[in-house]
Amino acid sequence: MFTGGCIGGKGATPVTAYELKNYNQDLYQGKLYAEELCVAQNDVALEGYTEDTELHSAALFDLTGERVLYSYKAHERLYPASTTKIMTALLAIENANLDDQVTISGNADASSFSADAQVCGLVKGEVWTLRDLLGALLLYSGNDAATAIAEYVGGSEEAFVNMMNRRAQELMANGTHFMNPHGLHDDNHYTTAYDLYLIFNECIKHEDFVNIIQSEAYTAYYTDVDGNSQEALFTPTNLYAQGEVDVPENVTIVGGKTGTTDEAGYCLILMEKDSSDNPYISIVMGASEKPVLYEDMTSLIEAIPSGQQ
């Protein structure tokens, strides 16, 4: 039985804190329908895709047809790892001028992160534009860039995290709670595949966001601590963009965001288009290994109906 879909209509208001605490499924779904969002209530099978039950969760959304094409544990709370950074980017785009100059603090200095954390190499006292920090955040997944953005946009990392959680509620992502702007592990930092869809769907409404995630590389220009002009080149972390994994013939991948921690496993959210330029969002969370992540994602987007109208 098909249990995902959308209907037209406008005018829904964000879910209130009371409604989130006292979850009313009918009210919640009604608001999602009113916002013309895909609604995933139960698991949905997809013809042509062999389900991998070893994954934590996976989903595929048809944005033009407003349909849930595939859903597996889409409402299960999971650790998002660096897919968190799509919310960080969204708040930066919504709340600041991307040409603003940002001075890197000690908290955002790359040396303040553990040796195994992904960093761009930011140094205290450097000056970057917010736009270039977004490039480093979304393509290279720099945790130091996430902290720099959070401190600039929110005034402090703590205040920014509060902004993240408020925005999640406004987007009706009621299975989400953030503790930091980058996704490094915290037991109380979680989301769901469906909530990631809600957040990412909002992100791709912004041209600045799409321009960055579809880039094959991003060159940032910044001023070092001695006042000298410098450049840094950032390449995408996802293997489709790197050309290391083949994209199915009927699909064009626009871009997306990776995420990996020991607790989260390997995660990936993508925007893609079919041969008729119809957009989709696909999500795979909790793959045990990187090759498994891309095998499952490729199989999932390969099952997208070719050029459907």
C-alpha atoms as a PDB file:
ATOM      1  CA  MET A   1       0.000   0.000   0.000  1.00  0.00           C
ATOM      2  CA  PHE A   2       1.320   3.442  -0.888  1.00  0.00           C
ATOM      3  CA  THR A   3       1.690   5.459   2.306  1.00  0.00           C
ATOM      4  CA  GLY A   4       3.650   8.479   1.161  1.00  0.00           C
ATOM      5  CA  GLY A   5       2.548  11.452  -0.882  1.00  0.00           C
ATOM      6  CA  CYS A   6       1.682  15.132  -1.069  1.00  0.00           C
ATOM      7  CA  ILE A   7      -1.248  17.352  -1.836  1.00  0.00           C
ATOM      8  CA  GLY A   8      -1.374  21.010  -2.727  1.00  0.00           C
ATOM      9  CA  GLY A   9      -2.138  23.964  -0.556  1.00  0.00           C
ATOM     10  CA  LYS A  10      -0.430  26.738   1.357  1.00  0.00           C
ATOM     11  CA  GLY A  11      -0.646  28.499   4.658  1.00  0.00           C
ATOM     12  CA  ALA A  12       0.504  26.001   7.300  1.00  0.00           C
ATOM     13  CA  THR A  13       2.266  27.386  10.335  1.00  0.00           C
ATOM     14  CA  PRO A  14       5.290  25.791  12.046  1.00  0.00           C
ATOM     15  CA  VAL A  15       4.658  23.094  14.610  1.00  0.00           C
ATOM     16  CA  THR A  16       4.709  24.678  18.061  1.00  0.00           C
ATOM     17  CA  ALA A  17       6.845  23.457  20.938  1.00  0.00           C
ATOM     18  CA  TYR A  18       3.716  22.058  22.595  1.00  0.00           C
ATOM     19  CA  GLU A  19       2.748  20.107  19.497  1.00  0.00           C
ATOM     20  CA  LEU A  20       6.274  18.747  19.188  1.00  0.00           C
ATOM     21  CA  LYS A  21       6.270  17.625  22.809  1.00  0.00           C
ATOM     22  CA  ASN A  22       2.799  16.133  22.585  1.00  0.00           C
ATOM     23  CA  TYR A  23       3.126  14.660  19.113  1.00  0.00           C
ATOM     24  CA  ASN A  24      -0.192  14.722  17.253  1.00  0.00           C
ATOM     25  CA  GLN A  25       0.364  12.649  14.118  1.00  0.00           C
ATOM     26  CA  ASP A  26      -2.742  13.821  12.254  1.00  0.00           C
ATOM     27  CA  LEU A  27      -2.021  17.490  12.939  1.00  0.00           C
ATOM     28  CA  TYR A  28       1.643  17.100  12.033  1.00  0.00           C
ATOM     29  CA  GLN A  29       0.925  15.320   8.746  1.00  0.00           C
ATOM     30  CA  GLY A  30      -1.787  17.807   7.879  1.00  0.00           C
ATOM     31  CA  LYS A  31       0.696  20.651   8.152  1.00  0.00           C
ATOM     32  CA  LEU A  32       3.204  18.788   5.994  1.00  0.00           C
ATOM     33  CA  TYR A  33       0.537  18.265   3.333  1.00  0.00           C
ATOM     34  CA  ALA A  34      -0.406  21.939   3.482  1.00  0.00           C
ATOM     35  CA  GLU A  35       3.225  22.915   2.838  1.00  0.00           C
ATOM     36  CA  GLU A  36       3.289  20.681  -0.280  1.00  0.00           C
ATOM     37  CA  LEU A  37       5.876  18.369   1.253  1.00  0.00           C
ATOM     38  CA  CYS A  38       6.288  14.655   0.704  1.00  0.00           C
ATOM     39  CA  VAL A  39       4.805  12.789   3.657  1.00  0.00           C
ATOM     40  CA  ALA A  40       6.348   9.486   4.723  1.00  0.00           C
ATOM     41  CA  GLN A  41       4.197   7.671   7.270  1.00  0.00           C
ATOM     42  CA  ASN A  42       5.369   4.074   6.893  1.00  0.00           C
ATOM     43  CA  ASP A  43       7.979   2.188   4.903  1.00  0.00           C
ATOM     44  CA  VAL A  44       7.465   2.400   1.141  1.00  0.00           C
ATOM     45  CA  ALA A  45       8.932  -0.134  -1.306  1.00  0.00           C
ATOM     46  CA  LEU A  46      10.403   0.892  -4.666  1.00  0.00           C
ATOM     47  CA  GLU A  47      10.259  -1.299  -7.743  1.00  0.00           C
ATOM     48  CA  GLY A  48      13.746  -1.982  -9.048  1.00  0.00           C
ATOM     49  CA  TYR A  49      15.491  -1.356  -5.729  1.00  0.00           C
ATOM     50  CA  THR A  50      16.566  -4.215  -3.497  1.00  0.00           C
ATOM     51  CA  GLU A  51      16.217  -3.100   0.090  1.00  0.00           C
ATOM     52  CA  ASP A  52      19.333  -3.270   2.258  1.00  0.00           C
ATOM     53  CA  THR A  53      18.081  -3.893   5.787  1.00  0.00           C
ATOM     54  CA  GLU A  54      21.613  -3.526   7.154  1.00  0.00           C
ATOM     55  CA  LEU A  55      21.307   0.233   6.623  1.00  0.00           C
ATOM     56  CA  HIS A  56      20.051   2.376   9.480  1.00  0.00           C
ATOM     57  CA  SER A  57      17.681   4.220   7.127  1.00  0.00           C
ATOM     58  CA  ALA A  58      17.156   5.252   3.495  1.00  0.00           C
ATOM     59  CA  ALA A  59      14.663   7.285   1.472  1.00  0.00           C
ATOM     60  CA  LEU A  60      13.978   8.708  -1.988  1.00  0.00           C
ATOM     61  CA  PHE A  61      11.712  11.699  -2.635  1.00  0.00           C
ATOM     62  CA  ASP A  62      10.244  12.884  -5.945  1.00  0.00           C
ATOM     63  CA  LEU A  63      10.031  16.659  -5.544  1.00  0.00           C
ATOM     64  CA  THR A  64       8.059  17.334  -8.732  1.00  0.00           C
ATOM     65  CA  GLY A  65       5.459  14.627  -8.180  1.00  0.00           C
ATOM     66  CA  GLU A  66       5.516  15.292  -4.417  1.00  0.00           C
ATOM     67  CA  ARG A  67       5.846  11.580  -3.704  1.00  0.00           C
ATOM     68  CA  VAL A  68       7.806   9.356  -1.397  1.00  0.00           C
ATOM     69  CA  LEU A  69       9.249   6.809  -3.827  1.00  0.00           C
ATOM     70  CA  TYR A  70      11.084   4.844  -1.155  1.00  0.00           C
ATOM     71  CA  SER A  71      11.177   4.922   2.626  1.00  0.00           C
ATOM     72  CA  TYR A  72      12.947   2.620   5.081  1.00  0.00           C
ATOM     73  CA  LYS A  73      12.915   3.621   8.753  1.00  0.00           C
ATOM     74  CA  ALA A  74      12.685   7.256   7.675  1.00  0.00           C
ATOM     75  CA  HIS A  75      11.485   8.399  11.113  1.00  0.00           C
ATOM     76  CA  GLU A  76      14.044   6.486  13.178  1.00  0.00           C
ATOM     77  CA  ARG A  77      16.282   8.786  15.202  1.00  0.00           C
ATOM     78  CA  LEU A  78      19.886   8.424  14.113  1.00  0.00           C
ATOM     79  CA  TYR A  79      23.211  10.203  14.411  1.00  0.00           C
ATOM     80  CA  PRO A  80      23.679  12.477  11.364  1.00  0.00           C
ATOM     81  CA  ALA A  81      27.445  13.087  11.481  1.00  0.00           C
ATOM     82  CA  SER A  82      28.398  15.831   8.995  1.00  0.00           C
ATOM     83  CA  THR A  83      25.041  15.886   7.235  1.00  0.00           C
ATOM     84  CA  THR A  84      24.362  18.242  10.158  1.00  0.00           C
ATOM     85  CA  LYS A  85      26.202  20.902   8.181  1.00  0.00           C
ATOM     86  CA  ILE A  86      23.313  21.463   5.791  1.00  0.00           C
ATOM     87  CA  MET A  87      21.460  23.162   8.652  1.00  0.00           C
ATOM     88  CA  THR A  88      24.560  25.205   9.482  1.00  0.00           C
ATOM     89  CA  ALA A  89      24.710  26.347   5.867  1.00  0.00           C
ATOM     90  CA  LEU A  90      20.990  27.110   5.745  1.00  0.00           C
ATOM     91  CA  LEU A  91      21.174  29.407   8.761  1.00  0.00           C
ATOM     92  CA  ALA A  92      24.200  31.225   7.359  1.00  0.00           C
ATOM     93  CA  ILE A  93      22.418  31.852   4.064  1.00  0.00           C
ATOM     94  CA  GLU A  94      19.198  32.948   5.758  1.00  0.00           C
ATOM     95  CA  ASN A  95      20.714  35.170   8.427  1.00  0.00           C
ATOM     96  CA  ALA A  96      23.895  36.796   7.115  1.00  0.00           C
ATOM     97  CA  ASN A  97      25.541  38.443   4.126  1.00  0.00           C
ATOM     98  CA  LEU A  98      27.773  35.848   2.481  1.00  0.00           C
ATOM     99  CA  ASP A  99      30.284  38.547   1.555  1.00  0.00           C
ATOM    100  CA  ASP A 100      30.838  39.429   5.214  1.00  0.00           C
ATOM    101  CA  GLN A 101      34.379  39.091   6.556  1.00  0.00           C
ATOM    102  CA  VAL A 102      34.831  36.556   9.353  1.00  0.00           C
ATOM    103  CA  THR A 103      37.856  36.578  11.658  1.00  0.00           C
ATOM    104  CA  ILE A 104      38.736  33.065  12.784  1.00  0.00           C
ATOM    105  CA  SER A 105      38.660  32.536  16.551  1.00  0.00           C
ATOM    106  CA  GLY A 106      40.663  30.163  18.689  1.00  0.00           C
ATOM    107  CA  ASN A 107      37.672  27.825  18.926  1.00  0.00           C
ATOM    108  CA  ALA A 108      37.553  27.577  15.121  1.00  0.00           C
ATOM    109  CA  ASP A 109      41.307  27.077  14.760  1.00  0.00           C
ATOM    110  CA  ALA A 110      41.957  23.661  13.202  1.00  0.00           C
ATOM    111  CA  SER A 111      44.329  22.789  16.049  1.00  0.00           C
ATOM    112  CA  SER A 112      41.405  22.799  18.498  1.00  0.00           C
ATOM    113  CA  PHE A 113      39.948  19.664  16.880  1.00  0.00           C
ATOM    114  CA  SER A 114      41.035  16.063  17.346  1.00  0.00           C
ATOM    115  CA  ALA A 115      43.523  14.606  14.895  1.00  0.00           C
ATOM    116  CA  ASP A 116      40.878  12.457  13.177  1.00  0.00           C
ATOM    117  CA  ALA A 117      38.407  15.320  12.633  1.00  0.00           C
ATOM    118  CA  GLN A 118      38.021  16.733   9.120  1.00  0.00           C
ATOM    119  CA  VAL A 119      39.348  20.313   9.082  1.00  0.00           C
ATOM    120  CA  CYS A 120      40.178  22.937   6.467  1.00  0.00           C
ATOM    121  CA  GLY A 121      43.218  24.190   8.329  1.00  0.00           C
ATOM    122  CA  LEU A 122      41.778  27.454   9.625  1.00  0.00           C
ATOM    123  CA  VAL A 123      44.136  29.479  11.823  1.00  0.00           C
ATOM    124  CA  LYS A 124      43.173  31.935  14.543  1.00  0.00           C
ATOM    125  CA  GLY A 125      43.360  35.483  13.203  1.00  0.00           C
ATOM    126  CA  GLU A 126      42.794  34.634   9.537  1.00  0.00           C
ATOM    127  CA  VAL A 127      40.011  36.499   7.744  1.00  0.00           C
ATOM    128  CA  TRP A 128      37.633  34.626   5.429  1.00  0.00           C
ATOM    129  CA  THR A 129      34.409  35.583   3.727  1.00  0.00           C
ATOM    130  CA  LEU A 130      31.350  33.754   4.962  1.00  0.00           C
ATOM    131  CA  ARG A 131      30.803  32.495   1.414  1.00  0.00           C
ATOM    132  CA  ASP A 132      34.233  30.862   1.292  1.00  0.00           C
ATOM    133  CA  LEU A 133      33.652  29.278   4.685  1.00  0.00           C
ATOM    134  CA  LEU A 134      30.444  27.804   3.239  1.00  0.00           C
ATOM    135  CA  GLY A 135      32.442  26.356   0.358  1.00  0.00           C
ATOM    136  CA  ALA A 136      34.823  24.750   2.833  1.00  0.00           C
ATOM    137  CA  LEU A 137      31.895  23.540   4.923  1.00  0.00           C
ATOM    138  CA  LEU A 138      29.740  21.991   2.209  1.00  0.00           C
ATOM    139  CA  LEU A 139      32.359  20.609  -0.157  1.00  0.00           C
ATOM    140  CA  TYR A 140      35.237  19.658   2.134  1.00  0.00           C
ATOM    141  CA  SER A 141      33.151  19.207   5.302  1.00  0.00           C
ATOM    142  CA  GLY A 142      35.462  21.260   7.504  1.00  0.00           C
ATOM    143  CA  ASN A 143      34.494  21.105  11.161  1.00  0.00           C
ATOM    144  CA  ASP A 144      36.548  24.224  11.806  1.00  0.00           C
ATOM    145  CA  ALA A 145      34.535  26.036   9.128  1.00  0.00           C
ATOM    146  CA  ALA A 146      31.311  24.973  10.870  1.00  0.00           C
ATOM    147  CA  THR A 147      32.486  26.483  14.136  1.00  0.00           C
ATOM    148  CA  ALA A 148      33.605  29.720  12.462  1.00  0.00           C
ATOM    149  CA  ILE A 149      30.218  30.076  10.754  1.00  0.00           C
ATOM    150  CA  ALA A 150      28.321  29.298  13.953  1.00  0.00           C
ATOM    151  CA  GLU A 151      30.222  31.862  15.998  1.00  0.00           C
ATOM    152  CA  TYR A 152      29.794  34.563  13.373  1.00  0.00           C
ATOM    153  CA  VAL A 153      26.113  34.008  12.603  1.00  0.00           C
ATOM    154  CA  GLY A 154      24.966  33.172  16.125  1.00  0.00           C
ATOM    155  CA  GLY A 155      27.377  35.265  18.170  1.00  0.00           C
ATOM    156  CA  SER A 156      28.459  32.088  19.943  1.00  0.00           C
ATOM    157  CA  GLU A 157      28.329  28.396  19.170  1.00  0.00           C
ATOM    158  CA  GLU A 158      25.754  27.837  21.904  1.00  0.00           C
ATOM    159  CA  ALA A 159      23.457  30.548  20.566  1.00  0.00           C
ATOM    160  CA  PHE A 160      23.815  29.174  17.050  1.00  0.00           C
ATOM    161  CA  VAL A 161      22.846  25.672  18.185  1.00  0.00           C
ATOM    162  CA  ASN A 162      19.693  27.177  19.684  1.00  0.00           C
ATOM    163  CA  MET A 163      19.011  28.733  16.271  1.00  0.00           C
ATOM    164  CA  MET A 164      19.495  25.309  14.658  1.00  0.00           C
ATOM    165  CA  ASN A 165      16.942  23.698  16.938  1.00  0.00           C
ATOM    166  CA  ARG A 166      14.420  26.503  16.476  1.00  0.00           C
ATOM    167  CA  ARG A 167      14.777  26.281  12.707  1.00  0.00           C
ATOM    168  CA  ALA A 168      14.335  22.507  12.833  1.00  0.00           C
ATOM    169  CA  GLN A 169      11.028  23.010  14.662  1.00  0.00           C
ATOM    170  CA  GLU A 170       9.926  25.591  12.101  1.00  0.00           C
ATOM    171  CA  LEU A 171      10.634  23.054   9.350  1.00  0.00           C
ATOM    172  CA  MET A 172       8.641  20.432  11.302  1.00  0.00           C
ATOM    173  CA  ALA A 173      11.759  18.301  11.717  1.00  0.00           C
ATOM    174  CA  ASN A 174      10.446  17.054  15.051  1.00  0.00           C
ATOM    175  CA  GLY A 175      12.770  14.056  15.295  1.00  0.00           C
ATOM    176  CA  THR A 176      15.849  16.277  15.333  1.00  0.00           C
ATOM    177  CA  HIS A 177      17.973  17.743  18.117  1.00  0.00           C
ATOM    178  CA  PHE A 178      21.308  19.449  17.541  1.00  0.00           C
ATOM    179  CA  MET A 179      24.160  19.894  20.018  1.00  0.00           C
ATOM    180  CA  ASN A 180      26.779  21.402  17.699  1.00  0.00           C
ATOM    181  CA  PRO A 181      27.109  22.914  14.194  1.00  0.00           C
ATOM    182  CA  HIS A 182      29.297  20.190  12.671  1.00  0.00           C
ATOM    183  CA  GLY A 183      27.955  16.776  13.653  1.00  0.00           C
ATOM    184  CA  LEU A 184      30.864  15.411  15.655  1.00  0.00           C
ATOM    185  CA  HIS A 185      29.357  12.787  17.912  1.00  0.00           C
ATOM    186  CA  ASP A 186      27.170  13.640  20.865  1.00  0.00           C
ATOM    187  CA  ASP A 187      24.595  11.196  22.227  1.00  0.00           C
ATOM    188  CA  ASN A 188      21.978  13.974  22.259  1.00  0.00           C
ATOM    189  CA  HIS A 189      22.669  15.080  18.674  1.00  0.00           C
ATOM    190  CA  TYR A 190      20.326  13.226  16.331  1.00  0.00           C
ATOM    191  CA  THR A 191      17.953  13.459  13.388  1.00  0.00           C
ATOM    192  CA  THR A 192      15.984  11.225  11.017  1.00  0.00           C
ATOM    193  CA  ALA A 193      16.216  10.595   7.293  1.00  0.00           C
ATOM    194  CA  TYR A 194      12.859  12.316   6.876  1.00  0.00           C
ATOM    195  CA  ASP A 195      13.982  15.356   8.840  1.00  0.00           C
ATOM    196  CA  LEU A 196      17.115  15.587   6.701  1.00  0.00           C
ATOM    197  CA  TYR A 197      14.829  15.662   3.668  1.00  0.00           C
ATOM    198  CA  LEU A 198      12.861  18.543   5.201  1.00  0.00           C
ATOM    199  CA  ILE A 199      16.039  20.520   5.919  1.00  0.00           C
ATOM    200  CA  PHE A 200      17.744  19.750   2.606  1.00  0.00           C
ATOM    201  CA  ASN A 201      14.561  20.559   0.693  1.00  0.00           C
ATOM    202  CA  GLU A 202      14.688  24.028   2.256  1.00  0.00           C
ATOM    203  CA  CYS A 203      18.408  24.381   1.497  1.00  0.00           C
ATOM    204  CA  ILE A 204      18.048  23.751  -2.232  1.00  0.00           C
ATOM    205  CA  LYS A 205      15.613  26.643  -2.552  1.00  0.00           C
ATOM    206  CA  HIS A 206      18.686  28.877  -2.226  1.00  0.00           C
ATOM    207  CA  GLU A 207      20.830  29.444  -5.301  1.00  0.00           C
ATOM    208  CA  ASP A 208      23.948  30.041  -3.200  1.00  0.00           C
ATOM    209  CA  PHE A 209      23.585  26.612  -1.612  1.00  0.00           C
ATOM    210  CA  VAL A 210      23.059  24.805  -4.917  1.00  0.00           C
ATOM    211  CA  ASN A 211      25.927  26.661  -6.592  1.00  0.00           C
ATOM    212  CA  ILE A 212      28.317  25.379  -3.941  1.00  0.00           C
ATOM    213  CA  ILE A 213      27.179  21.760  -3.725  1.00  0.00           C
ATOM    214  CA  GLN A 214      27.273  21.332  -7.518  1.00  0.00           C
ATOM    215  CA  SER A 215      30.860  22.624  -7.768  1.00  0.00           C
ATOM    216  CA  GLU A 216      33.628  20.240  -8.814  1.00  0.00           C
ATOM    217  CA  ALA A 217      35.993  22.311  -6.669  1.00  0.00           C
ATOM    218  CA  TYR A 218      35.914  25.543  -4.719  1.00  0.00           C
ATOM    219  CA  THR A 219      38.713  28.109  -4.461  1.00  0.00           C
ATOM    220  CA  ALA A 220      38.633  30.251  -1.332  1.00  0.00           C
ATOM    221  CA  TYR A 221      40.513  33.519  -0.960  1.00  0.00           C
ATOM    222  CA  TYR A 222      41.473  34.642   2.522  1.00  0.00           C
ATOM    223  CA  THR A 223      43.891  36.842   4.450  1.00  0.00           C
ATOM    224  CA  ASP A 224      46.439  35.129   6.689  1.00  0.00           C
ATOM    225  CA  VAL A 225      47.560  36.321  10.123  1.00  0.00           C
ATOM    226  CA  ASP A 226      50.320  38.440   8.544  1.00  0.00           C
ATOM    227  CA  GLY A 227      47.869  40.236   6.253  1.00  0.00           C
ATOM    228  CA  ASN A 228      48.888  38.365   3.106  1.00  0.00           C
ATOM    229  CA  SER A 229      46.376  37.179   0.500  1.00  0.00           C
ATOM    230  CA  GLN A 230      46.152  33.398   0.242  1.00  0.00           C
ATOM    231  CA  GLU A 231      44.171  30.747  -1.643  1.00  0.00           C
ATOM    232  CA  ALA A 232      42.811  27.361  -0.624  1.00  0.00           C
ATOM    233  CA  LEU A 233      41.285  24.742  -2.918  1.00  0.00           C
ATOM    234  CA  PHE A 234      38.528  22.490  -1.616  1.00  0.00           C
ATOM    235  CA  THR A 235      37.210  19.410  -3.410  1.00  0.00           C
ATOM    236  CA  PRO A 236      34.002  17.475  -2.631  1.00  0.00           C
ATOM    237  CA  THR A 237      34.037  14.587  -0.195  1.00  0.00           C
ATOM    238  CA  ASN A 238      31.412  12.586  -2.100  1.00  0.00           C
ATOM    239  CA  LEU A 239      32.788  10.023  -4.535  1.00  0.00           C
ATOM    240  CA  TYR A 240      30.313  10.813  -7.316  1.00  0.00           C
ATOM    241  CA  ALA A 241      31.678  14.345  -7.530  1.00  0.00           C
ATOM    242  CA  GLN A 242      35.219  12.989  -7.412  1.00  0.00           C
ATOM    243  CA  GLY A 243      34.473  10.712 -10.365  1.00  0.00           C
ATOM    244  CA  GLU A 244      35.357   7.612  -8.355  1.00  0.00           C
ATOM    245  CA  VAL A 245      31.822   6.178  -8.522  1.00  0.00           C
ATOM    246  CA  ASP A 246      29.799   6.019 -11.741  1.00  0.00           C
ATOM    247  CA  VAL A 247      26.462   7.819 -11.881  1.00  0.00           C
ATOM    248  CA  PRO A 248      23.520   5.882 -13.415  1.00  0.00           C
ATOM    249  CA  GLU A 249      22.814   6.874 -17.027  1.00  0.00           C
ATOM    250  CA  ASN A 250      19.325   8.224 -16.386  1.00  0.00           C
ATOM    251  CA  VAL A 251      20.392  10.494 -13.519  1.00  0.00           C
ATOM    252  CA  THR A 252      22.380  13.699 -13.060  1.00  0.00           C
ATOM    253  CA  ILE A 253      23.672  14.295  -9.549  1.00  0.00           C
ATOM    254  CA  VAL A 254      23.530  17.957  -8.584  1.00  0.00           C
ATOM    255  CA  GLY A 255      25.363  17.590  -5.292  1.00  0.00           C
ATOM    256  CA  GLY A 256      24.922  16.758  -1.655  1.00  0.00           C
ATOM    257  CA  LYS A 257      26.531  16.186   1.709  1.00  0.00           C
ATOM    258  CA  THR A 258      28.416  13.297   3.216  1.00  0.00           C
ATOM    259  CA  GLY A 259      28.665  12.368   6.880  1.00  0.00           C
ATOM    260  CA  THR A 260      30.742   9.797   8.728  1.00  0.00           C
ATOM    261  CA  THR A 261      31.450   8.950  12.352  1.00  0.00           C
ATOM    262  CA  ASP A 262      31.911   5.608  14.081  1.00  0.00           C
ATOM    263  CA  GLU A 263      28.489   5.973  15.676  1.00  0.00           C
ATOM    264  CA  ALA A 264      26.635   7.255  12.583  1.00  0.00           C
ATOM    265  CA  GLY A 265      28.266   5.004  10.018  1.00  0.00           C
ATOM    266  CA  TYR A 266      28.518   6.303   6.454  1.00  0.00           C
ATOM    267  CA  CYS A 267      25.770   8.732   5.426  1.00  0.00           C
ATOM    268  CA  LEU A 268      24.940  10.651   2.246  1.00  0.00           C
ATOM    269  CA  ILE A 269      22.172  12.996   1.128  1.00  0.00           C
ATOM    270  CA  LEU A 270      21.950  13.999  -2.538  1.00  0.00           C
ATOM    271  CA  MET A 271      19.926  16.097  -4.916  1.00  0.00           C
ATOM    272  CA  GLU A 272      19.663  14.583  -8.376  1.00  0.00           C
ATOM    273  CA  LYS A 273      17.618  15.067 -11.547  1.00  0.00           C
ATOM    274  CA  ASP A 274      16.173  12.614 -14.045  1.00  0.00           C
ATOM    275  CA  SER A 275      16.444  12.921 -17.830  1.00  0.00           C
ATOM    276  CA  SER A 276      13.496  15.350 -17.863  1.00  0.00           C
ATOM    277  CA  ASP A 277      15.177  17.596 -15.271  1.00  0.00           C
ATOM    278  CA  ASN A 278      12.810  16.595 -12.464  1.00  0.00           C
ATOM    279  CA  PRO A 279      14.506  16.913  -9.050  1.00  0.00           C
ATOM    280  CA  TYR A 280      14.809  14.235  -6.356  1.00  0.00           C
ATOM    281  CA  ILE A 281      16.342  13.935  -2.917  1.00  0.00           C
ATOM    282  CA  SER A 282      17.923  10.633  -1.897  1.00  0.00           C
ATOM    283  CA  ILE A 283      19.237   9.686   1.530  1.00  0.00           C
ATOM    284  CA  VAL A 284      21.238   6.734   2.819  1.00  0.00           C
ATOM    285  CA  MET A 285      22.203   6.587   6.494  1.00  0.00           C
ATOM    286  CA  GLY A 286      24.256   4.161   8.515  1.00  0.00           C
ATOM    287  CA  ALA A 287      26.110   2.123   5.899  1.00  0.00           C
ATOM    288  CA  SER A 288      28.773  -0.070   7.476  1.00  0.00           C
ATOM    289  CA  GLU A 289      31.471   0.854   4.951  1.00  0.00           C
ATOM    290  CA  LYS A 290      32.030   3.517   2.307  1.00  0.00           C
ATOM    291  CA  PRO A 291      31.700   1.066  -0.634  1.00  0.00           C
ATOM    292  CA  VAL A 292      28.378  -0.155   0.794  1.00  0.00           C
ATOM    293  CA  LEU A 293      27.145   3.444   1.040  1.00  0.00           C
ATOM    294  CA  TYR A 294      27.771   4.104  -2.640  1.00  0.00           C
ATOM    295  CA  GLU A 295      26.498   0.717  -3.795  1.00  0.00           C
ATOM    296  CA  ASP A 296      23.210   1.329  -2.000  1.00  0.00           C
ATOM    297  CA  MET A 297      22.915   4.936  -3.133  1.00  0.00           C
ATOM    298  CA  THR A 298      23.637   3.984  -6.742  1.00  0.00           C
ATOM    299  CA  SER A 299      21.019   1.229  -6.628  1.00  0.00           C
ATOM    300  CA  LEU A 300      18.509   3.618  -5.098  1.00  0.00           C
ATOM    301  CA  ILE A 301      18.885   6.427  -7.635  1.00  0.00           C
ATOM    302  CA  GLU A 302      19.164   3.911 -10.470  1.00  0.00           C
ATOM    303  CA  ALA A 303      15.557   2.978  -9.669  1.00  0.00           C
ATOM    304  CA  ILE A 304      14.347   6.530 -10.378  1.00  0.00           C
ATOM    305  CA  PRO A 305      11.802   6.314 -13.231  1.00  0.00           C
ATOM    306  CA  SER A 306      13.506   7.627 -16.354  1.00  0.00           C
ATOM    307  CA  GLY A 307      12.196  10.993 -17.530  1.00  0.00           C
ATOM    308  CA  GLN A 308       8.840  10.736 -15.782  1.00  0.00           C
ATOM    309  CA  GLN A 309       6.507  13.664 -16.240  1.00  0.00           C
END
